[in-house]
Amino acid sequence: RRHVGFSIKEETEAILHHPPPSFQDENHGYNSNGVADKLYQQSAQSALSPPIEANAAENDSADQTEKTHLLQQLNTLQRQRRHLQTTSPTLSEHLNEWDFRLSSAQQTYQNAVSTLEAVSAKRIWAEEEYQSTCKWHVLGDVFLIWHRGPFGTINGIRLGKSA
């Protein structure tokens, strides 16, 4: 039990290191009765021993509660570990399934990208071909249209009336 205002340790240190002034002597550590200061300190310490033992009992009970708490935590962790070990096969199966789905989706994506690139290249080629064919004059190449005086000619054939 603790007293208000002082702890047992503070009281012990106060008694051991500061004996009452009437017993102190300046000559070699003896008090006025001729008894060594060490004997005084030992007697003072023995007078305070019951509270120290009570404090030790409190420490033992605190240690016991801490030990109980740590054992409970250990049991909880062991239960969680067993639970994870039983669920880990299903988790690995799900992981494998999702890895397969991911790899197939990536493969599909790569196929779509390569198809897109091929179609884009064909579109560019078709556009260039269209631009060049727009410049062709097919009728002018097939049929040579010309005129000689008042008469028109198509591929050397004269059109019109000769009077």
C-alpha atoms as a PDB file:
ATOM      1  CA  ARG A   1       0.000   0.000   0.000  1.00  0.00           C
ATOM      2  CA  ARG A   2       1.175   3.447  -0.749  1.00  0.00           C
ATOM      3  CA  HIS A   3       0.914   6.412   1.528  1.00  0.00           C
ATOM      4  CA  VAL A   4      -0.278   9.731   0.234  1.00  0.00           C
ATOM      5  CA  GLY A   5       2.608  12.018  -0.621  1.00  0.00           C
ATOM      6  CA  PHE A   6       5.456   9.501  -0.237  1.00  0.00           C
ATOM      7  CA  SER A   7       6.412   6.243  -1.793  1.00  0.00           C
ATOM      8  CA  ILE A   8       8.050   3.433   0.174  1.00  0.00           C
ATOM      9  CA  LYS A   9      11.289   3.918  -1.739  1.00  0.00           C
ATOM     10  CA  GLU A  10      11.435   7.620  -0.835  1.00  0.00           C
ATOM     11  CA  GLU A  11      10.770   6.863   2.836  1.00  0.00           C
ATOM     12  CA  THR A  12      13.495   4.169   2.907  1.00  0.00           C
ATOM     13  CA  GLU A  13      16.053   6.486   1.300  1.00  0.00           C
ATOM     14  CA  ALA A  14      15.158   9.272   3.710  1.00  0.00           C
ATOM     15  CA  ILE A  15      15.707   7.052   6.757  1.00  0.00           C
ATOM     16  CA  LEU A  16      18.868   5.341   5.489  1.00  0.00           C
ATOM     17  CA  HIS A  17      20.715   8.424   4.335  1.00  0.00           C
ATOM     18  CA  HIS A  18      19.493  10.977   6.850  1.00  0.00           C
ATOM     19  CA  PRO A  19      19.376   9.719  10.409  1.00  0.00           C
ATOM     20  CA  PRO A  20      18.006  12.101  13.073  1.00  0.00           C
ATOM     21  CA  PRO A  21      20.420  14.976  13.889  1.00  0.00           C
ATOM     22  CA  SER A  22      20.802  14.025  17.558  1.00  0.00           C
ATOM     23  CA  PHE A  23      22.480  10.724  16.634  1.00  0.00           C
ATOM     24  CA  GLN A  24      24.945  12.068  14.050  1.00  0.00           C
ATOM     25  CA  ASP A  25      28.573  12.633  14.939  1.00  0.00           C
ATOM     26  CA  GLU A  26      31.217  14.161  12.756  1.00  0.00           C
ATOM     27  CA  ASN A  27      33.888  11.674  13.916  1.00  0.00           C
ATOM     28  CA  HIS A  28      34.213   8.656  11.656  1.00  0.00           C
ATOM     29  CA  GLY A  29      30.556   7.824  11.184  1.00  0.00           C
ATOM     30  CA  TYR A  30      29.657   6.903  14.788  1.00  0.00           C
ATOM     31  CA  ASN A  31      26.668   8.347  16.616  1.00  0.00           C
ATOM     32  CA  SER A  32      26.741   9.578  20.227  1.00  0.00           C
ATOM     33  CA  ASN A  33      25.994   6.102  21.640  1.00  0.00           C
ATOM     34  CA  GLY A  34      29.097   4.625  19.946  1.00  0.00           C
ATOM     35  CA  VAL A  35      27.175   2.452  17.517  1.00  0.00           C
ATOM     36  CA  ALA A  36      28.210   2.442  13.887  1.00  0.00           C
ATOM     37  CA  ASP A  37      25.993   4.192  11.371  1.00  0.00           C
ATOM     38  CA  LYS A  38      25.750   0.945   9.394  1.00  0.00           C
ATOM     39  CA  LEU A  39      24.009  -0.754  12.291  1.00  0.00           C
ATOM     40  CA  TYR A  40      21.585   2.128  12.493  1.00  0.00           C
ATOM     41  CA  GLN A  41      20.911   1.877   8.788  1.00  0.00           C
ATOM     42  CA  GLN A  42      20.363  -1.886   9.013  1.00  0.00           C
ATOM     43  CA  SER A  43      17.896  -1.468  11.869  1.00  0.00           C
ATOM     44  CA  ALA A  44      16.081   1.244  10.003  1.00  0.00           C
ATOM     45  CA  GLN A  45      15.951  -0.973   6.932  1.00  0.00           C
ATOM     46  CA  SER A  46      14.597  -3.917   8.902  1.00  0.00           C
ATOM     47  CA  ALA A  47      11.914  -1.671  10.358  1.00  0.00           C
ATOM     48  CA  LEU A  48      10.772  -0.852   6.828  1.00  0.00           C
ATOM     49  CA  SER A  49      10.892  -4.413   5.486  1.00  0.00           C
ATOM     50  CA  PRO A  50       7.166  -5.302   5.850  1.00  0.00           C
ATOM     51  CA  PRO A  51       6.038  -2.594   3.381  1.00  0.00           C
ATOM     52  CA  ILE A  52       8.758  -3.691   0.946  1.00  0.00           C
ATOM     53  CA  GLU A  53       7.474  -7.266   1.153  1.00  0.00           C
ATOM     54  CA  ALA A  54       3.951  -5.984   0.541  1.00  0.00           C
ATOM     55  CA  ASN A  55       5.266  -4.129  -2.494  1.00  0.00           C
ATOM     56  CA  ALA A  56       6.908  -7.356  -3.706  1.00  0.00           C
ATOM     57  CA  ALA A  57       3.570  -9.143  -3.354  1.00  0.00           C
ATOM     58  CA  GLU A  58       1.956  -6.404  -5.445  1.00  0.00           C
ATOM     59  CA  ASN A  59       4.687  -6.828  -8.064  1.00  0.00           C
ATOM     60  CA  ASP A  60       4.066 -10.597  -8.104  1.00  0.00           C
ATOM     61  CA  SER A  61       0.349 -10.073  -8.671  1.00  0.00           C
ATOM     62  CA  ALA A  62       1.090  -7.502 -11.410  1.00  0.00           C
ATOM     63  CA  ASP A  63       3.518  -9.958 -13.008  1.00  0.00           C
ATOM     64  CA  GLN A  64       0.896 -12.683 -12.789  1.00  0.00           C
ATOM     65  CA  THR A  65      -1.757 -10.526 -14.491  1.00  0.00           C
ATOM     66  CA  GLU A  66       0.723  -9.525 -17.186  1.00  0.00           C
ATOM     67  CA  LYS A  67       1.628 -13.197 -17.701  1.00  0.00           C
ATOM     68  CA  THR A  68      -2.068 -14.087 -17.983  1.00  0.00           C
ATOM     69  CA  HIS A  69      -2.585 -11.275 -20.504  1.00  0.00           C
ATOM     70  CA  LEU A  70       0.394 -12.428 -22.600  1.00  0.00           C
ATOM     71  CA  LEU A  71      -0.856 -16.023 -22.558  1.00  0.00           C
ATOM     72  CA  GLN A  72      -4.258 -14.852 -23.781  1.00  0.00           C
ATOM     73  CA  GLN A  73      -2.591 -12.942 -26.609  1.00  0.00           C
ATOM     74  CA  LEU A  74      -0.543 -16.031 -27.490  1.00  0.00           C
ATOM     75  CA  ASN A  75      -3.675 -18.201 -27.614  1.00  0.00           C
ATOM     76  CA  THR A  76      -5.430 -15.635 -29.807  1.00  0.00           C
ATOM     77  CA  LEU A  77      -2.497 -15.529 -32.220  1.00  0.00           C
ATOM     78  CA  GLN A  78      -2.358 -19.339 -32.373  1.00  0.00           C
ATOM     79  CA  ARG A  79      -6.087 -19.473 -33.218  1.00  0.00           C
ATOM     80  CA  GLN A  80      -5.619 -16.853 -35.937  1.00  0.00           C
ATOM     81  CA  ARG A  81      -2.676 -18.811 -37.356  1.00  0.00           C
ATOM     82  CA  ARG A  82      -4.708 -22.049 -37.492  1.00  0.00           C
ATOM     83  CA  HIS A  83      -7.558 -20.169 -39.178  1.00  0.00           C
ATOM     84  CA  LEU A  84      -5.196 -18.723 -41.792  1.00  0.00           C
ATOM     85  CA  GLN A  85      -3.644 -22.132 -42.405  1.00  0.00           C
ATOM     86  CA  THR A  86      -7.074 -23.638 -43.070  1.00  0.00           C
ATOM     87  CA  THR A  87      -8.145 -20.782 -45.360  1.00  0.00           C
ATOM     88  CA  SER A  88      -4.828 -20.428 -47.188  1.00  0.00           C
ATOM     89  CA  PRO A  89      -5.526 -23.231 -49.724  1.00  0.00           C
ATOM     90  CA  THR A  90      -8.747 -21.526 -50.799  1.00  0.00           C
ATOM     91  CA  LEU A  91      -6.941 -18.194 -50.927  1.00  0.00           C
ATOM     92  CA  SER A  92      -4.201 -19.644 -53.112  1.00  0.00           C
ATOM     93  CA  GLU A  93      -6.846 -21.181 -55.415  1.00  0.00           C
ATOM     94  CA  HIS A  94      -8.526 -17.797 -55.744  1.00  0.00           C
ATOM     95  CA  LEU A  95      -5.156 -16.169 -56.331  1.00  0.00           C
ATOM     96  CA  ASN A  96      -4.335 -18.677 -59.081  1.00  0.00           C
ATOM     97  CA  GLU A  97      -7.730 -18.102 -60.693  1.00  0.00           C
ATOM     98  CA  TRP A  98      -7.260 -14.331 -60.673  1.00  0.00           C
ATOM     99  CA  ASP A  99      -3.710 -14.681 -62.017  1.00  0.00           C
ATOM    100  CA  PHE A 100      -5.081 -16.783 -64.887  1.00  0.00           C
ATOM    101  CA  ARG A 101      -7.779 -14.191 -65.571  1.00  0.00           C
ATOM    102  CA  LEU A 102      -5.195 -11.413 -65.501  1.00  0.00           C
ATOM    103  CA  SER A 103      -2.858 -13.186 -67.899  1.00  0.00           C
ATOM    104  CA  SER A 104      -5.714 -13.999 -70.315  1.00  0.00           C
ATOM    105  CA  ALA A 105      -6.925 -10.382 -70.170  1.00  0.00           C
ATOM    106  CA  GLN A 106      -3.385  -9.153 -70.869  1.00  0.00           C
ATOM    107  CA  GLN A 107      -3.099 -11.547 -73.820  1.00  0.00           C
ATOM    108  CA  THR A 108      -6.467 -10.375 -75.178  1.00  0.00           C
ATOM    109  CA  TYR A 109      -5.329  -6.779 -74.786  1.00  0.00           C
ATOM    110  CA  GLN A 110      -2.090  -7.474 -76.690  1.00  0.00           C
ATOM    111  CA  ASN A 111      -4.058  -9.170 -79.499  1.00  0.00           C
ATOM    112  CA  ALA A 112      -6.438  -6.208 -79.691  1.00  0.00           C
ATOM    113  CA  VAL A 113      -3.539  -3.743 -79.802  1.00  0.00           C
ATOM    114  CA  SER A 114      -1.782  -5.664 -82.580  1.00  0.00           C
ATOM    115  CA  THR A 115      -5.072  -5.896 -84.545  1.00  0.00           C
ATOM    116  CA  LEU A 116      -5.626  -2.171 -84.081  1.00  0.00           C
ATOM    117  CA  GLU A 117      -2.127  -1.407 -85.346  1.00  0.00           C
ATOM    118  CA  ALA A 118      -2.661  -3.628 -88.398  1.00  0.00           C
ATOM    119  CA  VAL A 119      -6.048  -2.069 -89.206  1.00  0.00           C
ATOM    120  CA  SER A 120      -4.628   1.414 -88.729  1.00  0.00           C
ATOM    121  CA  ALA A 121      -1.775   0.655 -91.149  1.00  0.00           C
ATOM    122  CA  LYS A 122      -4.274  -0.686 -93.734  1.00  0.00           C
ATOM    123  CA  ARG A 123      -6.450   2.411 -93.336  1.00  0.00           C
ATOM    124  CA  ILE A 124      -3.460   4.698 -93.912  1.00  0.00           C
ATOM    125  CA  TRP A 125      -2.479   2.693 -97.025  1.00  0.00           C
ATOM    126  CA  ALA A 126      -6.090   2.846 -98.341  1.00  0.00           C
ATOM    127  CA  GLU A 127      -6.227   6.596 -97.760  1.00  0.00           C
ATOM    128  CA  GLU A 128      -3.003   7.147 -99.716  1.00  0.00           C
ATOM    129  CA  GLU A 129      -4.281   4.953-102.574  1.00  0.00           C
ATOM    130  CA  TYR A 130      -7.540   6.877-102.676  1.00  0.00           C
ATOM    131  CA  GLN A 131      -5.673  10.205-102.840  1.00  0.00           C
ATOM    132  CA  SER A 132      -3.549   8.990-105.749  1.00  0.00           C
ATOM    133  CA  THR A 133      -6.532   7.510-107.643  1.00  0.00           C
ATOM    134  CA  CYS A 134      -8.424  10.768-107.303  1.00  0.00           C
ATOM    135  CA  LYS A 135      -5.744  12.358-109.484  1.00  0.00           C
ATOM    136  CA  TRP A 136      -6.311   9.904-112.321  1.00  0.00           C
ATOM    137  CA  HIS A 137      -8.341  10.996-115.386  1.00  0.00           C
ATOM    138  CA  VAL A 138      -9.566   7.667-116.642  1.00  0.00           C
ATOM    139  CA  LEU A 139     -11.745   8.994-119.450  1.00  0.00           C
ATOM    140  CA  GLY A 140      -8.959  11.218-120.721  1.00  0.00           C
ATOM    141  CA  ASP A 141      -6.578   8.263-120.861  1.00  0.00           C
ATOM    142  CA  VAL A 142      -9.065   5.904-122.502  1.00  0.00           C
ATOM    143  CA  PHE A 143     -10.628   8.331-124.933  1.00  0.00           C
ATOM    144  CA  LEU A 144      -8.390  10.920-126.528  1.00  0.00           C
ATOM    145  CA  ILE A 145     -10.722  13.850-127.081  1.00  0.00           C
ATOM    146  CA  TRP A 146      -9.467  16.589-129.308  1.00  0.00           C
ATOM    147  CA  HIS A 147     -10.573  18.999-131.969  1.00  0.00           C
ATOM    148  CA  ARG A 148      -9.379  19.982-135.435  1.00  0.00           C
ATOM    149  CA  GLY A 149     -10.935  23.075-136.576  1.00  0.00           C
ATOM    150  CA  PRO A 150     -14.713  22.880-136.447  1.00  0.00           C
ATOM    151  CA  PHE A 151     -14.670  19.137-136.017  1.00  0.00           C
ATOM    152  CA  GLY A 152     -14.163  17.175-132.841  1.00  0.00           C
ATOM    153  CA  THR A 153     -12.301  13.931-132.751  1.00  0.00           C
ATOM    154  CA  ILE A 154     -12.393  11.065-130.290  1.00  0.00           C
ATOM    155  CA  ASN A 155      -9.499   8.644-130.654  1.00  0.00           C
ATOM    156  CA  GLY A 156      -8.904   9.899-134.170  1.00  0.00           C
ATOM    157  CA  ILE A 157     -12.551   9.517-135.218  1.00  0.00           C
ATOM    158  CA  ARG A 158     -13.978  12.684-136.593  1.00  0.00           C
ATOM    159  CA  LEU A 159     -17.330  13.875-135.364  1.00  0.00           C
ATOM    160  CA  GLY A 160     -19.628  16.246-137.116  1.00  0.00           C
ATOM    161  CA  LYS A 161     -20.788  16.998-140.708  1.00  0.00           C
ATOM    162  CA  SER A 162     -18.559  17.879-143.494  1.00  0.00           C
ATOM    163  CA  ALA A 163     -20.418  19.986-145.873  1.00  0.00           C
END
